[in-house]
């Protein structure tokens, strides 16, 4: 589904990605783990052309997407739910969700997508006309994911969805990610909570200073002494 080859990207004057090779297969959950500053967010932004790569190929469903406008990439089926949620705080919950459907002109389909989002996140149902900035952190993250789903993505990219949330809400967010996957979405997940990310994903890549240092099945990386010492706070 998604194929990245030889991707090189600067973030300002700094070389952030050094020749990244990565694949996301249809129907998988793939996770990217690594320390702050490893290049995980830059990789997601490079895929969306929010940060422009210097070299490399990015193919989605057998078509080259590197260099395309971000709106065109969304129309092709990739959506990024960004780190920090990027909620439009002065707009209502409903207005935020409708912003997620801006690539669609099918009002009937938009109505169906809204119904599905509110069914998935019932806590938002009674707050449709409430300013998004007044929601709790957990509710804002659910709104951000719901807004992403409004574009009906084939590939949903989530950047730090559990960041700053209480442990019970973290569990809920990961349950939601599982449910979205079970509904047929392919997911690329960037997550500081490496243990939970590895537990729900099929395959994983470890980024260190813009390089992929390890890759493989998530179940194998969970048992890797190197990964457990560096990212899970455990030793084998």
Protein backbone atom coordinates (compact mmCIF):
# COMPACT_ATOMS: atom_id res chain seq x y z
CA UNK A 1 0.00 0.00 0.00
CA UNK A 2 2.64 2.55 1.12
CA UNK A 3 6.24 2.26 -0.02
CA UNK A 4 8.95 4.70 1.07
CA UNK A 5 12.41 4.37 -0.46
CA UNK A 6 15.56 6.39 0.18
CA UNK A 7 13.69 9.28 1.81
CA UNK A 8 15.88 12.21 2.78
CA UNK A 9 14.33 15.23 4.51
CA UNK A 10 15.70 18.31 6.26
CA UNK A 11 13.86 19.97 9.12
CA UNK A 12 15.06 23.53 8.80
CA UNK A 13 18.86 23.36 8.50
CA UNK A 14 19.04 19.91 10.14
CA UNK A 15 19.09 16.62 8.23
CA UNK A 16 16.15 14.83 9.90
CA UNK A 17 15.78 11.71 7.73
CA UNK A 18 18.70 9.83 6.20
CA UNK A 19 17.52 7.52 3.42
CA UNK A 20 14.46 5.94 5.07
CA UNK A 21 13.03 2.72 3.60
CA UNK A 22 9.63 1.65 4.94
CA UNK A 23 6.57 -0.35 3.86
CA UNK A 24 3.01 -0.40 5.16
CA UNK A 25 0.98 -3.31 3.83
CA UNK A 26 -2.76 -3.16 3.33
CA UNK A 27 -4.61 -4.15 6.49
CA UNK A 28 -1.66 -3.82 8.86
CA UNK A 29 -0.94 -1.69 11.88
CA UNK A 30 2.67 -0.51 11.57
CA UNK A 31 4.25 1.46 14.39
CA UNK A 32 7.23 3.80 14.50
CA UNK A 33 9.01 4.08 17.82
CA UNK A 34 12.00 6.11 18.86
CA UNK A 35 13.16 8.89 21.14
CA UNK A 36 12.11 12.51 20.78
CA UNK A 37 13.91 14.02 17.81
CA UNK A 38 14.38 10.68 16.06
CA UNK A 39 12.46 11.87 12.98
CA UNK A 40 9.12 10.12 13.43
CA UNK A 41 6.92 13.19 12.99
CA UNK A 42 9.10 14.44 10.13
CA UNK A 43 8.54 11.12 8.35
CA UNK A 44 4.76 11.45 8.62
CA UNK A 45 4.88 15.08 7.50
CA UNK A 46 7.11 14.12 4.57
CA UNK A 47 4.56 11.55 3.42
CA UNK A 48 1.88 14.26 3.51
CA UNK A 49 4.20 16.81 1.83
CA UNK A 50 3.85 19.12 4.82
CA UNK A 51 7.64 18.97 4.93
CA UNK A 52 9.19 18.61 1.50
CA UNK A 53 11.60 15.69 1.06
CA UNK A 54 14.89 16.31 -0.72
CA UNK A 55 15.28 12.82 -2.17
CA UNK A 56 13.52 9.49 -2.38
CA UNK A 57 10.27 7.92 -3.51
CA UNK A 58 6.89 7.72 -1.78
CA UNK A 59 4.40 5.42 -3.50
CA UNK A 60 0.82 4.80 -2.42
CA UNK A 61 -1.31 2.16 -4.11
CA UNK A 62 1.34 1.91 -6.88
CA UNK A 63 1.30 5.63 -7.66
CA UNK A 64 4.02 8.16 -6.84
CA UNK A 65 2.79 10.78 -4.34
CA UNK A 66 5.99 12.58 -3.40
CA UNK A 67 5.59 16.24 -4.27
CA UNK A 68 1.81 16.17 -4.65
CA UNK A 69 -0.27 18.79 -2.85
CA UNK A 70 -1.37 17.68 0.62
CA UNK A 71 -5.03 17.98 -0.40
CA UNK A 72 -4.39 15.64 -3.33
CA UNK A 73 -2.72 13.12 -1.02
CA UNK A 74 -5.78 13.24 1.26
CA UNK A 75 -8.03 12.65 -1.74
CA UNK A 76 -5.93 9.62 -2.65
CA UNK A 77 -6.66 8.12 0.76
CA UNK A 78 -4.03 9.13 3.35
CA UNK A 79 -4.95 11.18 6.42
CA UNK A 80 -2.68 12.39 9.24
CA UNK A 81 -4.04 12.99 12.75
CA UNK A 82 -1.24 15.26 13.98
CA UNK A 83 0.61 15.36 17.26
CA UNK A 84 -1.08 17.85 19.58
CA UNK A 85 -4.47 17.22 17.87
CA UNK A 86 -4.60 20.60 16.05
CA UNK A 87 -8.24 21.03 17.07
CA UNK A 88 -9.87 24.26 15.89
CA UNK A 89 -10.68 25.33 19.40
CA UNK A 90 -13.09 28.19 18.69
CA UNK A 91 -15.12 26.10 16.28
CA UNK A 92 -17.72 23.60 17.43
CA UNK A 93 -17.30 19.85 17.51
CA UNK A 94 -19.56 19.56 14.45
CA UNK A 95 -17.63 22.24 12.55
CA UNK A 96 -14.35 20.44 13.30
CA UNK A 97 -15.76 17.18 11.98
CA UNK A 98 -17.08 18.82 8.83
CA UNK A 99 -13.61 20.26 8.21
CA UNK A 100 -12.40 16.67 8.03
CA UNK A 101 -14.83 16.04 5.17
CA UNK A 102 -13.74 19.04 3.10
CA UNK A 103 -12.53 16.81 0.24
CA UNK A 104 -16.04 15.34 -0.20
CA UNK A 105 -18.99 16.91 -2.01
CA UNK A 106 -21.36 14.02 -1.31
CA UNK A 107 -23.66 15.34 1.42
CA UNK A 108 -25.35 11.97 1.90
CA UNK A 109 -21.97 10.29 2.43
CA UNK A 110 -20.88 13.04 4.82
CA UNK A 111 -24.05 12.39 6.85
CA UNK A 112 -23.23 8.69 7.03
CA UNK A 113 -19.67 9.42 8.13
CA UNK A 114 -20.95 11.76 10.86
CA UNK A 115 -23.29 9.04 12.11
CA UNK A 116 -20.40 6.59 12.25
CA UNK A 117 -18.14 9.01 14.12
CA UNK A 118 -20.79 9.74 16.75
CA UNK A 119 -21.51 6.02 17.08
CA UNK A 120 -17.80 5.38 17.66
CA UNK A 121 -17.41 8.35 20.03
CA UNK A 122 -20.77 8.62 21.85
CA UNK A 123 -19.30 11.08 24.34
CA UNK A 124 -19.17 13.68 21.56
CA UNK A 125 -22.82 13.27 20.59
CA UNK A 126 -24.20 15.64 23.19
CA UNK A 127 -21.47 18.19 22.51
CA UNK A 128 -21.96 18.77 18.78
CA UNK A 129 -22.49 22.50 19.25
CA UNK A 130 -19.90 22.94 22.00
CA UNK A 131 -16.64 24.77 21.29
CA UNK A 132 -13.93 22.18 20.75
CA UNK A 133 -11.53 24.03 23.03
CA UNK A 134 -13.77 23.32 26.03
CA UNK A 135 -13.48 19.55 25.65
CA UNK A 136 -11.24 17.46 27.86
CA UNK A 137 -7.92 16.23 26.51
CA UNK A 138 -9.32 12.78 25.87
CA UNK A 139 -12.38 14.18 24.11
CA UNK A 140 -10.18 16.40 21.95
CA UNK A 141 -8.12 13.37 20.89
CA UNK A 142 -11.29 11.49 20.00
CA UNK A 143 -12.46 14.51 18.02
CA UNK A 144 -9.14 14.65 16.18
CA UNK A 145 -9.39 10.96 15.25
CA UNK A 146 -13.04 11.40 14.28
CA UNK A 147 -12.14 14.36 12.08
CA UNK A 148 -9.51 12.21 10.37
CA UNK A 149 -12.03 9.42 9.75
CA UNK A 150 -14.42 11.88 8.09
CA UNK A 151 -12.14 11.84 5.03
CA UNK A 152 -12.64 8.05 4.71
CA UNK A 153 -8.91 7.27 4.61
CA UNK A 154 -7.48 3.99 3.41
CA UNK A 155 -4.36 4.75 5.48
CA UNK A 156 -4.80 6.56 8.80
CA UNK A 157 -1.59 7.98 10.28
CA UNK A 158 -1.71 8.78 13.99
CA UNK A 159 1.02 10.90 15.59
CA UNK A 160 1.27 10.41 19.38
CA UNK A 161 -2.45 9.81 20.02
CA UNK A 162 -1.93 9.01 23.72
CA UNK A 163 0.34 11.97 24.49
CA UNK A 164 -0.58 13.75 27.72
CA UNK A 165 -3.51 11.50 28.57
CA UNK A 166 -4.21 9.76 31.87
CA UNK A 167 -3.61 5.98 31.95
CA UNK A 168 -7.30 5.07 31.71
CA UNK A 169 -7.70 7.32 28.67
CA UNK A 170 -4.55 5.86 27.12
CA UNK A 171 -6.14 2.41 27.33
CA UNK A 172 -9.31 3.78 25.74
CA UNK A 173 -7.39 5.37 22.86
CA UNK A 174 -5.59 2.12 22.11
CA UNK A 175 -8.90 0.25 22.23
CA UNK A 176 -10.24 2.75 19.68
CA UNK A 177 -7.21 2.19 17.43
CA UNK A 178 -7.86 -1.56 17.55
CA UNK A 179 -11.52 -1.04 16.66
CA UNK A 180 -10.65 1.23 13.72
CA UNK A 181 -8.24 -1.43 12.47
CA UNK A 182 -10.85 -4.17 12.86
CA UNK A 183 -13.19 -2.04 10.75
CA UNK A 184 -10.73 -2.34 7.87
CA UNK A 185 -8.41 0.66 8.16
CA UNK A 186 -4.68 0.38 7.65
CA UNK A 187 -2.83 2.34 10.35
CA UNK A 188 0.63 3.89 10.65
CA UNK A 189 1.15 4.76 14.30
CA UNK A 190 3.79 6.98 15.90
CA UNK A 191 3.70 6.51 19.65
CA UNK A 192 5.92 7.23 22.67
CA UNK A 193 4.21 4.41 24.58
CA UNK A 194 6.33 1.81 22.81
CA UNK A 195 5.04 -1.18 24.73
CA UNK A 196 1.38 -0.56 23.93
CA UNK A 197 2.20 0.34 20.33
CA UNK A 198 4.11 -2.90 19.84
CA UNK A 199 1.35 -4.90 21.51
CA UNK A 200 -1.31 -3.78 19.02
CA UNK A 201 0.78 -3.57 15.83
CA UNK A 202 1.82 -6.14 13.24
CA UNK A 203 5.21 -4.70 12.36
CA UNK A 204 7.45 -1.96 13.71
CA UNK A 205 10.35 0.28 12.81
CA UNK A 206 12.74 1.84 15.33
CA UNK A 207 14.05 5.28 14.34
CA UNK A 208 17.26 6.69 15.79
CA UNK A 209 18.48 10.12 14.68
CA UNK A 210 16.82 9.83 11.29
CA UNK A 211 17.95 6.28 10.59
CA UNK A 212 16.01 3.02 10.91
CA UNK A 213 18.02 1.00 13.41
CA UNK A 214 15.68 -1.97 13.77
CA UNK A 215 12.63 -3.35 12.01
CA UNK A 216 10.56 -6.50 12.12
CA UNK A 217 7.48 -8.12 13.56
CA UNK A 218 6.25 -6.26 16.62
CA UNK A 219 6.06 -9.47 18.64
CA UNK A 220 9.76 -10.05 17.97
CA UNK A 221 10.76 -6.48 18.84
CA UNK A 222 8.88 -6.80 22.13
CA UNK A 223 11.31 -9.59 23.02
CA UNK A 224 14.38 -7.73 21.77
CA UNK A 225 16.79 -6.91 24.58
CA UNK A 226 17.88 -3.75 22.75
CA UNK A 227 14.30 -2.48 22.38
CA UNK A 228 13.30 -3.43 25.91
CA UNK A 229 16.30 -1.69 27.46
CA UNK A 230 15.97 1.47 25.35
CA UNK A 231 12.21 1.94 25.02
CA UNK A 232 10.29 -0.36 27.37
CA UNK A 233 12.16 0.31 30.59
CA UNK A 234 12.83 -3.41 31.05
CA UNK A 235 15.61 -5.87 30.55
CA UNK A 236 15.14 -9.41 29.28
